[in-house]
Structure formats: C-alpha cells, structure tokens
Amino acid sequence: MKKCIKITILALCLGSMLRAQYVPAPTQLINTPTVATLARGSYMTDLRFTTHGGVLIGAFVGLTDRFLMGISYGGSHIIGNQAISWNPQPGVQVKYRVIDEGLKIPGVSIGFSSQGYGSYIDEHYEIPSPGFYAVASKNWQFLGNTSLHGGINYSLEQAEESHIPSFFLGAAMELNPQFSLMVEYDAALNYEKFSDLEKFKISSGYGFLNAGARIGLTDNLYLEIEFNNLIWGDNVESFNREIKLIYFDLF
C-alpha cells in the first residue's frame, strides 16, 4: 500500500514538473507566422496593447500536435477617452505543420490568418492580415537557439484590380528559455492599394520592419516588448511601441 502511495505521489510530481516545463516555440514572431504549432491539449492566450489605445486579445488551441486553431478580437481607443471603435469581426487563424524540421531541412507549415493590426478604417487594417500563407523555419545552436523564418502570403485585403502575393522574413535568437530577441520584415506588397488614402500612409512604401524582445515572467507567462513599423511614413512621427502578454498551459 505504501509503495502504491509513493508511486502515485511520484507520478503527480513528475506530471507537475512536465506541465511547468512545457514551453512551446513561438507560433509567430511579432506579426508574421512561424512553423511552430501548439502541442495537442495545450492552449495559449495573448493580450496585445497597441497604437491608438488599441487592445487585441487572442486564444489558440492545439487540436493535434500539427494543427492549431485560434480566434482574436479587439478594437481601437479601448484605452483612452475617445469612442471605442471595435473591429467589425473576429480574426480567425488556422495552421497545419506539413513537414517536421530535420537536420538538413526546415520545417514547413501552411495556414490562414484574417487578423490584421492597427486601426480598422474603410474595411481595411492599417497593417494587412497575412491571409493564406506558407512558411519555413530552421533552428541552429548559435549563441543559444537561433532560428530563421521565411514565407510567402496572399492577403485577402487587396484592391479589386490588384491581386499579388507578398513575402516575409524573420529571425529569433533565444539566449535562454526566458529571454529571446526577434526581428522580422513584412514586404506587404499589397500595401500599395492604400496609396490614395492619406490616413493609411504609415509606411514609406518599403514594407514593415519590426523588432522585439520576449521575456519570461513565470514558467507560463511571458512579456513581449515590441517596436513596430521601424520604416515609417512622412505623416508618422515615430515607430509603434507595443506590449504583449502571453500565457500558455496544458488542459
């Protein structure tokens, strides 16, 4: 009887340790996706504080070890004294990991995301949503864990006369499990459709360059400090300074 009790206690302790040690790879860098998905039976929520008093909250679930599904919703002027402008509909995200990363080959995932960023004006986000995409990622042990990411995407936020794909690139350096640095570039080739809308001229026409740091506060809670739109347009005085809180756990 005592032996059974000891085995039970050991199993519970081991299970608790495994739960605490579960740290999923980032499913996206800052705005652009990576190959990573969530493990089956795990979930992740994030809370993003962005420009114009904006707040965006998301929830994501690993339905299998390869298939991720998520939903997000928010709006502008939630923080502040102006009338709140809610996004017209939630953002939907799905991702499937097609190829696992190997010693010589990158991992590959395909997915869809309808979640853009910034204010939603005239039926468009300031930073267009990725839409349909394919992304490849590769990791190396260099100054910790270093990863490179690249992909192509086709946003549904395009003018009727313009239907072109775009691409994105990114890199992350995980110096330790609790601290990592990230940088990404979104070419946003479909952004040209906003050229006749002065309110949307937040880019100089060279895409979006973003950088940030991910800091572990606890085993399950992370803080991201992000500096977005580092190539800003003539009518923007500075880049965007944003904060994101990320929480993940197992069911």
Protein backbone atom coordinates (compact mmCIF):
# COMPACT_ATOMS: atom_id res chain seq x y z
CA MET A 1 0.00 0.00 0.00
CA LYS A 2 2.79 2.42 0.94
CA LYS A 3 4.57 1.57 -2.29
CA CYS A 4 1.48 2.44 -4.32
CA ILE A 5 1.14 5.76 -2.49
CA LYS A 6 4.78 6.60 -3.21
CA ILE A 7 4.38 5.75 -6.89
CA THR A 8 1.24 7.91 -7.08
CA ILE A 9 2.97 10.88 -5.44
CA LEU A 10 5.96 10.46 -7.75
CA ALA A 11 3.70 10.39 -10.80
CA LEU A 12 1.87 13.52 -9.67
CA CYS A 13 5.15 15.34 -9.04
CA LEU A 14 6.51 14.28 -12.43
CA GLY A 15 3.33 15.41 -14.14
CA SER A 16 3.52 18.76 -12.40
CA MET A 17 7.15 19.19 -13.49
CA LEU A 18 6.29 18.37 -17.08
CA ARG A 19 3.49 20.92 -17.06
CA ALA A 20 5.77 23.59 -15.66
CA GLN A 21 8.50 22.81 -18.18
CA TYR A 22 6.22 22.94 -21.23
CA VAL A 23 7.41 25.94 -23.23
CA PRO A 24 6.05 26.00 -26.81
CA ALA A 25 8.06 27.51 -29.62
CA PRO A 26 6.62 30.90 -30.67
CA THR A 27 3.81 30.42 -33.18
CA GLN A 28 4.63 33.84 -34.59
CA LEU A 29 7.46 36.33 -34.20
CA ILE A 30 5.76 39.71 -33.86
CA ASN A 31 3.20 39.87 -36.66
CA THR A 32 4.46 37.17 -39.04
CA PRO A 33 3.87 33.43 -38.51
CA THR A 34 6.45 30.72 -37.86
CA VAL A 35 6.23 26.98 -38.50
CA ALA A 36 5.51 26.21 -34.82
CA THR A 37 2.14 24.92 -33.65
CA LEU A 38 0.90 24.06 -30.17
CA ALA A 39 1.07 20.57 -28.72
CA ARG A 40 -2.16 18.59 -28.59
CA GLY A 41 -4.12 19.51 -25.47
CA SER A 42 -2.36 22.82 -24.92
CA TYR A 43 -3.63 26.37 -25.23
CA MET A 44 -2.27 29.89 -25.42
CA THR A 45 -3.83 33.30 -24.84
CA ASP A 46 -2.31 36.68 -25.59
CA LEU A 47 -3.24 40.25 -24.79
CA ARG A 48 -1.77 42.96 -27.00
CA PHE A 49 -1.73 46.70 -26.26
CA THR A 50 -1.15 48.63 -29.46
CA THR A 51 -1.42 52.09 -31.01
CA HIS A 52 -4.45 54.41 -30.76
CA GLY A 53 -5.38 52.88 -27.40
CA GLY A 54 -5.93 49.55 -29.13
CA VAL A 55 -6.30 46.18 -27.39
CA LEU A 56 -6.32 42.79 -29.11
CA ILE A 57 -6.96 39.52 -27.27
CA GLY A 58 -6.44 36.07 -28.79
CA ALA A 59 -6.96 32.43 -27.80
CA PHE A 60 -5.30 29.46 -29.52
CA VAL A 61 -5.61 25.70 -29.09
CA GLY A 62 -3.51 22.77 -30.25
CA LEU A 63 -6.12 20.34 -31.60
CA THR A 64 -3.35 17.94 -32.63
CA ASP A 65 0.43 18.18 -32.48
CA ARG A 66 0.29 19.58 -36.03
CA PHE A 67 -2.94 21.56 -36.18
CA LEU A 68 -3.52 24.90 -34.44
CA MET A 69 -6.71 26.95 -34.40
CA GLY A 70 -7.26 30.39 -32.90
CA ILE A 71 -9.53 33.40 -32.72
CA SER A 72 -8.82 37.03 -31.79
CA TYR A 73 -10.82 40.20 -31.32
CA GLY A 74 -10.23 43.81 -30.31
CA GLY A 75 -10.51 47.41 -31.33
CA SER A 76 -9.07 50.91 -31.15
CA HIS A 77 -9.46 53.58 -28.43
CA ILE A 78 -10.35 50.97 -25.82
CA ILE A 79 -7.80 52.73 -23.61
CA GLY A 80 -8.34 56.50 -23.57
CA ASN A 81 -11.24 58.93 -23.71
CA GLN A 82 -12.40 58.53 -27.31
CA ALA A 83 -15.31 56.47 -28.53
CA ILE A 84 -14.33 52.80 -28.86
CA SER A 85 -14.02 51.54 -32.44
CA TRP A 86 -14.44 47.76 -32.42
CA ASN A 87 -13.14 45.59 -35.23
CA PRO A 88 -16.09 44.51 -37.41
CA GLN A 89 -15.43 40.80 -36.94
CA PRO A 90 -13.06 38.46 -35.06
CA GLY A 91 -9.82 37.37 -36.66
CA VAL A 92 -9.53 33.65 -37.44
CA GLN A 93 -6.27 31.69 -37.56
CA VAL A 94 -5.55 28.11 -38.58
CA LYS A 95 -2.18 26.46 -39.17
CA TYR A 96 -1.05 22.97 -40.12
CA ARG A 97 2.56 21.77 -39.91
CA VAL A 98 3.18 19.81 -43.11
CA ILE A 99 6.88 18.93 -42.72
CA ASP A 100 8.81 18.49 -39.47
CA GLU A 101 12.20 20.15 -39.24
CA GLY A 102 15.17 17.85 -39.75
CA LEU A 103 18.94 18.15 -39.51
CA LYS A 104 19.18 19.38 -43.10
CA ILE A 105 15.67 20.51 -43.98
CA PRO A 106 13.45 23.23 -42.49
CA GLY A 107 10.00 22.65 -41.12
CA VAL A 108 7.10 23.83 -43.28
CA SER A 109 3.61 24.94 -42.30
CA ILE A 110 0.64 26.27 -44.20
CA GLY A 111 -2.10 28.40 -42.74
CA PHE A 112 -4.56 31.27 -42.89
CA SER A 113 -4.95 34.38 -40.75
CA SER A 114 -7.54 37.13 -41.20
CA GLN A 115 -6.19 39.18 -38.30
CA GLY A 116 -4.56 42.46 -39.28
CA TYR A 117 -3.09 45.07 -36.95
CA GLY A 118 -3.61 48.73 -36.17
CA SER A 119 -6.83 50.67 -36.74
CA TYR A 120 -9.59 49.27 -38.92
CA ILE A 121 -10.76 52.00 -41.30
CA ASP A 122 -12.66 51.79 -44.58
CA GLU A 123 -12.81 47.97 -44.38
CA HIS A 124 -9.03 47.59 -44.05
CA TYR A 125 -6.48 47.20 -41.27
CA GLU A 126 -3.53 49.60 -41.23
CA ILE A 127 -1.25 46.56 -41.42
CA PRO A 128 -2.98 43.99 -43.66
CA SER A 129 -3.65 40.48 -42.42
CA PRO A 130 -1.41 37.71 -43.86
CA GLY A 131 -4.29 35.82 -45.42
CA PHE A 132 -3.17 32.48 -46.87
CA TYR A 133 0.49 31.68 -46.28
CA ALA A 134 3.23 29.06 -46.36
CA VAL A 135 6.23 29.42 -44.04
CA ALA A 136 9.52 27.56 -43.47
CA SER A 137 11.64 27.66 -40.29
CA LYS A 138 15.08 26.32 -39.36
CA ASN A 139 16.85 26.29 -35.97
CA TRP A 140 20.57 26.22 -35.11
CA GLN A 141 22.52 26.20 -31.87
CA PHE A 142 24.33 29.54 -32.09
CA LEU A 143 24.50 31.88 -29.09
CA GLY A 144 21.61 29.85 -27.73
CA ASN A 145 18.89 28.76 -30.12
CA THR A 146 18.80 30.82 -33.31
CA SER A 147 16.01 30.41 -35.84
CA LEU A 148 15.37 31.80 -39.32
CA HIS A 149 11.91 32.07 -40.85
CA GLY A 150 10.62 32.95 -44.29
CA GLY A 151 7.40 32.62 -46.19
CA ILE A 152 5.00 33.81 -48.87
CA ASN A 153 1.45 35.00 -48.34
CA TYR A 154 -1.62 36.16 -50.20
CA SER A 155 -3.69 38.67 -48.26
CA LEU A 156 -7.41 38.99 -48.91
CA GLU A 157 -7.13 42.72 -48.11
CA GLN A 158 -6.35 43.81 -51.66
CA ALA A 159 -7.89 46.18 -54.15
CA GLU A 160 -10.06 44.55 -56.80
CA GLU A 161 -7.60 45.45 -59.54
CA SER A 162 -4.57 44.20 -57.56
CA HIS A 163 -4.12 40.51 -56.74
CA ILE A 164 -0.48 39.87 -55.90
CA PRO A 165 1.29 37.68 -53.33
CA SER A 166 3.85 39.02 -50.89
CA PHE A 167 6.62 37.63 -48.66
CA PHE A 168 8.03 37.93 -45.15
CA LEU A 169 11.29 37.13 -43.37
CA GLY A 170 12.30 36.89 -39.72
CA ALA A 171 14.84 35.71 -37.18
CA ALA A 172 14.87 34.98 -33.45
CA MET A 173 17.73 34.42 -31.01
CA GLU A 174 16.78 32.61 -27.80
CA LEU A 175 19.65 33.40 -25.45
CA ASN A 176 17.97 31.29 -22.74
CA PRO A 177 14.46 29.84 -22.26
CA GLN A 178 13.37 33.06 -20.55
CA PHE A 179 14.76 35.66 -22.94
CA SER A 180 14.84 36.00 -26.71
CA LEU A 181 15.24 38.71 -29.34
CA MET A 182 13.20 38.90 -32.55
CA VAL A 183 13.24 40.80 -35.82
CA GLU A 184 11.00 40.50 -38.88
CA TYR A 185 10.32 42.14 -42.22
CA ASP A 186 6.95 42.05 -43.99
CA ALA A 187 7.23 43.22 -47.59
CA ALA A 188 3.46 43.98 -47.67
CA LEU A 189 3.48 44.27 -51.46
CA ASN A 190 -0.30 44.59 -51.40
CA TYR A 191 0.03 47.76 -49.29
CA GLU A 192 0.15 49.87 -52.46
CA LYS A 193 -3.64 49.85 -52.56
CA PHE A 194 -3.66 52.30 -49.65
CA SER A 195 -1.67 54.93 -51.60
CA ASP A 196 -4.75 57.06 -52.18
CA LEU A 197 -5.78 57.04 -48.50
CA GLU A 198 -3.81 59.62 -46.52
CA LYS A 199 -4.93 58.13 -43.22
CA PHE A 200 -3.18 54.85 -44.11
CA LYS A 201 0.19 56.25 -45.13
CA ILE A 202 2.07 54.79 -42.16
CA SER A 203 4.75 53.12 -44.30
CA SER A 204 7.32 54.67 -46.64
CA GLY A 205 6.46 52.04 -49.22
CA TYR A 206 9.25 49.68 -48.18
CA GLY A 207 7.19 47.29 -46.06
CA PHE A 208 7.16 46.85 -42.29
CA LEU A 209 10.27 46.24 -40.20
CA ASN A 210 9.60 45.13 -36.61
CA ALA A 211 11.78 44.11 -33.67
CA GLY A 212 11.16 43.00 -30.11
CA ALA A 213 12.16 41.04 -27.02
CA ARG A 214 10.36 38.15 -25.28
CA ILE A 215 10.87 37.94 -21.51
CA GLY A 216 9.69 35.12 -19.25
CA LEU A 217 7.98 36.37 -16.09
CA THR A 218 6.98 32.91 -14.84
CA ASP A 219 7.05 29.39 -16.30
CA ASN A 220 3.78 30.12 -18.14
CA LEU A 221 3.64 33.89 -18.53
CA TYR A 222 5.74 35.92 -20.98
CA LEU A 223 6.03 39.62 -21.73
CA GLU A 224 6.87 40.92 -25.21
CA ILE A 225 8.13 44.44 -25.82
CA GLU A 226 7.78 45.31 -29.50
CA PHE A 227 8.98 48.14 -31.72
CA ASN A 228 6.94 48.07 -34.91
CA ASN A 229 6.92 49.97 -38.19
CA LEU A 230 10.58 51.00 -37.95
CA ILE A 231 10.31 52.27 -41.55
CA TRP A 232 7.55 54.82 -41.02
CA GLY A 233 5.93 57.23 -43.45
CA ASP A 234 6.06 61.00 -43.73
CA ASN A 235 2.95 61.60 -41.62
CA VAL A 236 4.12 59.36 -38.73
CA GLU A 237 6.44 60.87 -36.11
CA SER A 238 7.83 57.63 -34.70
CA PHE A 239 7.64 53.84 -34.70
CA ASN A 240 5.00 51.96 -32.72
CA ARG A 241 5.78 50.85 -29.17
CA GLU A 242 3.62 47.89 -28.19
CA ILE A 243 3.33 45.41 -25.31
CA LYS A 244 2.04 41.84 -25.44
CA LEU A 245 1.34 39.39 -22.60
CA ILE A 246 1.34 35.68 -23.47
CA TYR A 247 0.09 32.84 -21.25
CA PHE A 248 0.20 29.14 -22.14
CA ASP A 249 -0.60 25.89 -20.38
CA LEU A 250 -1.89 22.35 -20.82
CA PHE A 251 -5.53 21.36 -20.39
